[in-house]
C-alpha atoms as a PDB file:
ATOM      1  CA  MET A   1      14.363   3.882  24.081  1.00  0.00           C
ATOM      2  CA  LYS A   2      18.107   2.642  22.812  1.00  0.00           C
ATOM      3  CA  SER A   3      19.553  -0.333  22.085  1.00  0.00           C
ATOM      4  CA  ALA A   4      23.165  -1.404  21.918  1.00  0.00           C
ATOM      5  CA  PHE A   5      23.439  -0.486  18.080  1.00  0.00           C
ATOM      6  CA  ASN A   6      21.834   2.646  18.930  1.00  0.00           C
ATOM      7  CA  MET A   7      18.839   2.626  17.441  1.00  0.00           C
ATOM      8  CA  GLU A   8      15.701   3.848  18.409  1.00  0.00           C
ATOM      9  CA  LYS A   9      12.508   2.462  19.433  1.00  0.00           C
ATOM     10  CA  LEU A  10      10.081   3.936  17.024  1.00  0.00           C
ATOM     11  CA  SER A  11       6.956   5.038  18.927  1.00  0.00           C
ATOM     12  CA  GLU A  12       2.956   3.679  17.128  1.00  0.00           C
ATOM     13  CA  GLN A  13       2.493   7.222  15.350  1.00  0.00           C
ATOM     14  CA  GLN A  14       6.363   7.252  13.873  1.00  0.00           C
ATOM     15  CA  ILE A  15       5.598   3.551  12.465  1.00  0.00           C
ATOM     16  CA  THR A  16       1.785   4.399  11.436  1.00  0.00           C
ATOM     17  CA  ASP A  17       3.669   7.523   9.393  1.00  0.00           C
ATOM     18  CA  ALA A  18       6.510   5.310   7.818  1.00  0.00           C
ATOM     19  CA  LEU A  19       4.086   2.595   6.395  1.00  0.00           C
ATOM     20  CA  LYS A  20       2.072   5.041   4.918  1.00  0.00           C
ATOM     21  CA  THR A  21       4.628   5.027   2.199  1.00  0.00           C
ATOM     22  CA  LEU A  22       4.961   1.054   2.541  1.00  0.00           C
ATOM     23  CA  PRO A  23       1.820  -0.376   0.507  1.00  0.00           C
ATOM     24  CA  GLY A  24       0.008  -3.859   2.631  1.00  0.00           C
ATOM     25  CA  TRP A  25       2.632  -3.207   4.990  1.00  0.00           C
ATOM     26  CA  TYR A  26       1.105  -3.403   8.867  1.00  0.00           C
ATOM     27  CA  PHE A  27       1.951  -3.097  12.390  1.00  0.00           C
ATOM     28  CA  SER A  28       0.821  -5.784  14.498  1.00  0.00           C
ATOM     29  CA  ASP A  29       1.772  -7.962  17.812  1.00  0.00           C
ATOM     30  CA  GLY A  30       5.083  -5.434  18.252  1.00  0.00           C
ATOM     31  CA  SER A  31       6.378  -6.025  14.208  1.00  0.00           C
ATOM     32  CA  ILE A  32       5.741  -4.903  10.951  1.00  0.00           C
ATOM     33  CA  LYS A  33       4.650  -7.646   8.532  1.00  0.00           C
ATOM     34  CA  LYS A  34       3.565  -8.310   4.949  1.00  0.00           C
ATOM     35  CA  ILE A  35       2.474 -11.189   3.362  1.00  0.00           C
ATOM     36  CA  PHE A  36       3.643 -11.109  -0.040  1.00  0.00           C
ATOM     37  CA  LYS A  37       1.774 -13.091  -2.574  1.00  0.00           C
ATOM     38  CA  THR A  38       3.637 -14.954  -5.709  1.00  0.00           C
ATOM     39  CA  VAL A  39       2.414 -16.368  -8.574  1.00  0.00           C
ATOM     40  CA  SER A  40       4.207 -19.447  -8.299  1.00  0.00           C
ATOM     41  CA  PHE A  41       6.164 -21.893  -5.403  1.00  0.00           C
ATOM     42  CA  PRO A  42       8.919 -21.241  -7.272  1.00  0.00           C
ATOM     43  CA  ALA A  43       8.800 -17.929  -7.355  1.00  0.00           C
ATOM     44  CA  THR A  44       7.799 -17.719  -3.080  1.00  0.00           C
ATOM     45  CA  MET A  45      11.418 -19.365  -2.962  1.00  0.00           C
ATOM     46  CA  GLY A  46      12.908 -16.658  -5.204  1.00  0.00           C
ATOM     47  CA  PHE A  47      11.069 -14.059  -3.180  1.00  0.00           C
ATOM     48  CA  VAL A  48      12.762 -15.756  -0.106  1.00  0.00           C
ATOM     49  CA  ALA A  49      16.165 -15.664  -1.169  1.00  0.00           C
ATOM     50  CA  ALA A  50      15.689 -12.201  -2.536  1.00  0.00           C
ATOM     51  CA  ALA A  51      14.700 -11.028   0.168  1.00  0.00           C
ATOM     52  CA  GLY A  52      17.635 -12.904   2.203  1.00  0.00           C
ATOM     53  CA  GLY A  53      20.157 -10.529  -0.042  1.00  0.00           C
ATOM     54  CA  PHE A  54      18.836  -7.795   1.250  1.00  0.00           C
ATOM     55  CA  CYS A  55      18.552  -9.317   4.965  1.00  0.00           C
ATOM     56  CA  GLN A  56      22.078 -10.378   5.145  1.00  0.00           C
ATOM     57  CA  ARG A  57      23.533  -6.836   3.931  1.00  0.00           C
ATOM     58  CA  ARG A  58      21.843  -5.037   6.480  1.00  0.00           C
ATOM     59  CA  ASN A  59      22.672  -7.571   9.376  1.00  0.00           C
ATOM     60  CA  HIS A  60      18.887  -7.676  10.078  1.00  0.00           C
ATOM     61  CA  HIS A  61      16.730 -10.791   9.460  1.00  0.00           C
ATOM     62  CA  PRO A  62      12.947 -11.468   9.735  1.00  0.00           C
ATOM     63  CA  ASP A  63      10.712 -13.981  10.674  1.00  0.00           C
ATOM     64  CA  TYR A  64       8.866 -15.935   7.688  1.00  0.00           C
ATOM     65  CA  ILE A  65       5.942 -17.659   7.923  1.00  0.00           C
ATOM     66  CA  LEU A  66       4.533 -19.719   4.723  1.00  0.00           C
ATOM     67  CA  MET A  67       1.009 -18.996   4.688  1.00  0.00           C
ATOM     68  CA  LYS A  68      -0.236 -21.200   1.397  1.00  0.00           C
ATOM     69  CA  PHE A  69       2.250 -21.583  -1.520  1.00  0.00           C
ATOM     70  CA  ARG A  70       2.672 -18.421  -3.272  1.00  0.00           C
ATOM     71  CA  GLU A  71       1.994 -16.011   0.223  1.00  0.00           C
ATOM     72  CA  ILE A  72       4.472 -15.720   2.381  1.00  0.00           C
ATOM     73  CA  GLU A  73       4.117 -13.517   5.492  1.00  0.00           C
ATOM     74  CA  VAL A  74       7.624 -11.250   6.358  1.00  0.00           C
ATOM     75  CA  SER A  75       7.818  -9.646  10.008  1.00  0.00           C
ATOM     76  CA  PHE A  76      10.267  -7.481  11.183  1.00  0.00           C
ATOM     77  CA  SER A  77      11.395  -5.521  14.488  1.00  0.00           C
ATOM     78  CA  THR A  78      14.773  -4.893  16.369  1.00  0.00           C
ATOM     79  CA  HIS A  79      14.594  -7.379  19.301  1.00  0.00           C
ATOM     80  CA  SER A  80      17.246  -4.967  21.275  1.00  0.00           C
ATOM     81  CA  ALA A  81      15.230  -2.216  20.891  1.00  0.00           C
ATOM     82  CA  GLY A  82      12.566  -3.557  22.346  1.00  0.00           C
ATOM     83  CA  GLY A  83      10.353  -2.657  19.290  1.00  0.00           C
ATOM     84  CA  ILE A  84      10.291  -0.765  15.607  1.00  0.00           C
ATOM     85  CA  THR A  85      12.894   0.988  14.472  1.00  0.00           C
ATOM     86  CA  GLN A  86      14.225   3.288  11.062  1.00  0.00           C
ATOM     87  CA  LYS A  87      16.154   0.071  10.595  1.00  0.00           C
ATOM     88  CA  ASP A  88      12.871  -2.035  10.291  1.00  0.00           C
ATOM     89  CA  ILE A  89      11.666   0.430   7.806  1.00  0.00           C
ATOM     90  CA  GLU A  90      14.870   1.127   5.710  1.00  0.00           C
ATOM     91  CA  ILE A  91      14.602  -2.881   5.546  1.00  0.00           C
ATOM     92  CA  ALA A  92      10.772  -3.547   4.420  1.00  0.00           C
ATOM     93  CA  SER A  93      11.412  -0.518   1.637  1.00  0.00           C
ATOM     94  CA  ASP A  94      14.390  -2.629   0.560  1.00  0.00           C
ATOM     95  CA  LEU A  95      11.821  -5.759   0.260  1.00  0.00           C
ATOM     96  CA  GLU A  96       8.945  -3.564  -1.896  1.00  0.00           C
ATOM     97  CA  LYS A  97      12.069  -3.441  -4.469  1.00  0.00           C
ATOM     98  CA  ILE A  98      11.889  -7.792  -5.321  1.00  0.00           C
ATOM     99  CA  PRO A  99       9.897  -8.637  -8.513  1.00  0.00           C
ATOM    100  CA  LEU A 100       7.482 -11.382  -7.937  1.00  0.00           C
END
């Protein structure tokens, strides 16, 4: 299925294969997710700000859930495609570059 942005929805097997290269990321409820753990609340907020920069550059924005003061869950899906696309995998890879 293609979206208005020509992003093809990935199959579950493609998602599983892609997530093998992204430690801690998993597929659940139609999104790819990871819980990032930091050393402090300020570090958590710094992570959110840094992630926001990556996301804004790609014009692809996550859902965040603050789990605890040092843990935040990040969740991506491409709503216009109705699932996970390569864009989600790429932004997850970007977030792996942020120091915790």
